[in-house]
C-alpha atoms as a PDB file:
ATOM      1  CA  MET A   1      14.029  23.453  -0.649  1.00  0.00           C
ATOM      2  CA  GLY A   2      11.790  22.151   2.139  1.00  0.00           C
ATOM      3  CA  ALA A   3       9.579  19.107   2.329  1.00  0.00           C
ATOM      4  CA  ILE A   4       6.105  19.177   0.818  1.00  0.00           C
ATOM      5  CA  GLU A   5       3.625  19.233   3.705  1.00  0.00           C
ATOM      6  CA  GLN A   6       0.387  19.471   1.752  1.00  0.00           C
ATOM      7  CA  ILE A   7      -0.873  19.909  -1.779  1.00  0.00           C
ATOM      8  CA  GLY A   8      -3.672  22.241  -2.823  1.00  0.00           C
ATOM      9  CA  LEU A   9      -5.918  21.069  -5.656  1.00  0.00           C
ATOM     10  CA  GLU A  10      -8.570  23.108  -7.374  1.00  0.00           C
ATOM     11  CA  GLY A  11     -11.533  21.180  -8.685  1.00  0.00           C
ATOM     12  CA  THR A  12     -11.412  17.854  -6.893  1.00  0.00           C
ATOM     13  CA  GLY A  13     -14.858  16.927  -8.181  1.00  0.00           C
ATOM     14  CA  CYS A  14     -15.252  14.592 -11.109  1.00  0.00           C
ATOM     15  CA  VAL A  15     -11.990  15.355 -12.915  1.00  0.00           C
ATOM     16  CA  GLY A  16      -9.682  15.922  -9.970  1.00  0.00           C
ATOM     17  CA  ALA A  17     -10.978  13.064  -7.808  1.00  0.00           C
ATOM     18  CA  GLY A  18      -8.708  10.490  -9.437  1.00  0.00           C
ATOM     19  CA  LEU A  19      -5.629  12.669  -9.078  1.00  0.00           C
ATOM     20  CA  SER A  20      -6.520  13.470  -5.481  1.00  0.00           C
ATOM     21  CA  ARG A  21      -7.027   9.779  -4.666  1.00  0.00           C
ATOM     22  CA  TRP A  22      -3.731   8.830  -6.372  1.00  0.00           C
ATOM     23  CA  MET A  23      -1.781  11.420  -4.359  1.00  0.00           C
ATOM     24  CA  ARG A  24      -3.444  10.436  -1.070  1.00  0.00           C
ATOM     25  CA  GLN A  25      -2.524   6.787  -1.688  1.00  0.00           C
ATOM     26  CA  ARG A  26       1.089   7.925  -1.860  1.00  0.00           C
ATOM     27  CA  GLY A  27       0.907   9.649   1.514  1.00  0.00           C
ATOM     28  CA  HIS A  28       0.321  13.269   0.466  1.00  0.00           C
ATOM     29  CA  ARG A  29      -2.065  15.518   2.396  1.00  0.00           C
ATOM     30  CA  ILE A  30      -4.480  17.061  -0.104  1.00  0.00           C
ATOM     31  CA  VAL A  31      -6.427  20.278   0.506  1.00  0.00           C
ATOM     32  CA  GLU A  32      -9.270  21.342  -1.762  1.00  0.00           C
ATOM     33  CA  VAL A  33      -8.944  24.930  -2.992  1.00  0.00           C
ATOM     34  CA  ASN A  34     -11.940  26.850  -4.282  1.00  0.00           C
ATOM     35  CA  ARG A  35     -11.386  28.706  -7.508  1.00  0.00           C
ATOM     36  CA  PRO A  36     -11.315  32.498  -7.188  1.00  0.00           C
ATOM     37  CA  ASP A  37     -14.690  34.184  -7.484  1.00  0.00           C
ATOM     38  CA  ARG A  38     -15.670  35.627 -10.858  1.00  0.00           C
ATOM     39  CA  GLN A  39     -15.110  39.229  -9.821  1.00  0.00           C
ATOM     40  CA  THR A  40     -11.536  38.516  -8.742  1.00  0.00           C
ATOM     41  CA  ARG A  41     -10.858  36.517 -11.916  1.00  0.00           C
ATOM     42  CA  ARG A  42     -12.164  39.364 -14.083  1.00  0.00           C
ATOM     43  CA  ARG A  43     -10.096  41.927 -12.228  1.00  0.00           C
ATOM     44  CA  ARG A  44      -6.837  39.925 -12.279  1.00  0.00           C
ATOM     45  CA  GLY A  45      -7.364  38.072 -15.547  1.00  0.00           C
ATOM     46  CA  LYS A  46      -7.500  34.357 -16.273  1.00  0.00           C
ATOM     47  CA  SER A  47      -4.142  32.709 -16.089  1.00  0.00           C
ATOM     48  CA  ASP A  48      -3.078  29.246 -14.959  1.00  0.00           C
ATOM     49  CA  ALA A  49      -0.028  30.787 -13.286  1.00  0.00           C
ATOM     50  CA  VAL A  50      -2.178  33.311 -11.399  1.00  0.00           C
ATOM     51  CA  ASP A  51      -4.620  30.557 -10.363  1.00  0.00           C
ATOM     52  CA  ALA A  52      -1.782  28.296  -9.178  1.00  0.00           C
ATOM     53  CA  GLU A  53      -0.235  31.080  -7.113  1.00  0.00           C
ATOM     54  CA  ALA A  54      -3.598  31.944  -5.550  1.00  0.00           C
ATOM     55  CA  ALA A  55      -4.158  28.268  -4.673  1.00  0.00           C
ATOM     56  CA  ALA A  56      -0.710  27.967  -3.101  1.00  0.00           C
ATOM     57  CA  ARG A  57      -1.230  31.141  -1.074  1.00  0.00           C
ATOM     58  CA  ALA A  58      -4.630  29.911   0.158  1.00  0.00           C
ATOM     59  CA  VAL A  59      -3.084  26.649   1.364  1.00  0.00           C
ATOM     60  CA  GLN A  60      -0.149  28.420   3.048  1.00  0.00           C
ATOM     61  CA  ALA A  61      -2.437  30.953   4.707  1.00  0.00           C
ATOM     62  CA  GLY A  62      -4.714  28.233   6.004  1.00  0.00           C
ATOM     63  CA  THR A  63      -7.805  29.617   4.267  1.00  0.00           C
ATOM     64  CA  ALA A  64      -8.105  26.461   2.138  1.00  0.00           C
ATOM     65  CA  THR A  65      -8.767  23.658   4.608  1.00  0.00           C
ATOM     66  CA  ALA A  66     -11.358  21.402   2.962  1.00  0.00           C
ATOM     67  CA  ILE A  67     -10.383  17.763   2.640  1.00  0.00           C
ATOM     68  CA  PRO A  68     -11.623  16.444  -0.713  1.00  0.00           C
ATOM     69  CA  LYS A  69     -14.018  13.525  -0.859  1.00  0.00           C
ATOM     70  CA  THR A  70     -12.342  10.203  -1.529  1.00  0.00           C
ATOM     71  CA  GLY A  71     -14.608   9.375  -4.468  1.00  0.00           C
ATOM     72  CA  ASP A  72     -14.280   5.668  -3.815  1.00  0.00           C
ATOM     73  CA  GLY A  73     -17.174   5.035  -1.457  1.00  0.00           C
ATOM     74  CA  ALA A  74     -20.905   4.597  -1.791  1.00  0.00           C
ATOM     75  CA  VAL A  75     -23.027   7.617  -2.659  1.00  0.00           C
ATOM     76  CA  GLY A  76     -25.778   8.091  -0.133  1.00  0.00           C
END
């Protein structure tokens, strides 16, 4: 098993911001992953396992590159 280079998180808004911040404080590189569009979700079905695999593939492929907001600064 190799080293973890980055972690993909879906939904780093209100709920995921704390988790994202906690992982960053521990030295992990976090990448924000958009959830699949509705058409894809309808076609493939809703499943946490399917969503997790899609998120991992997006991070590996480099299509998920957004760095989540820190959520600890001033809102402007």
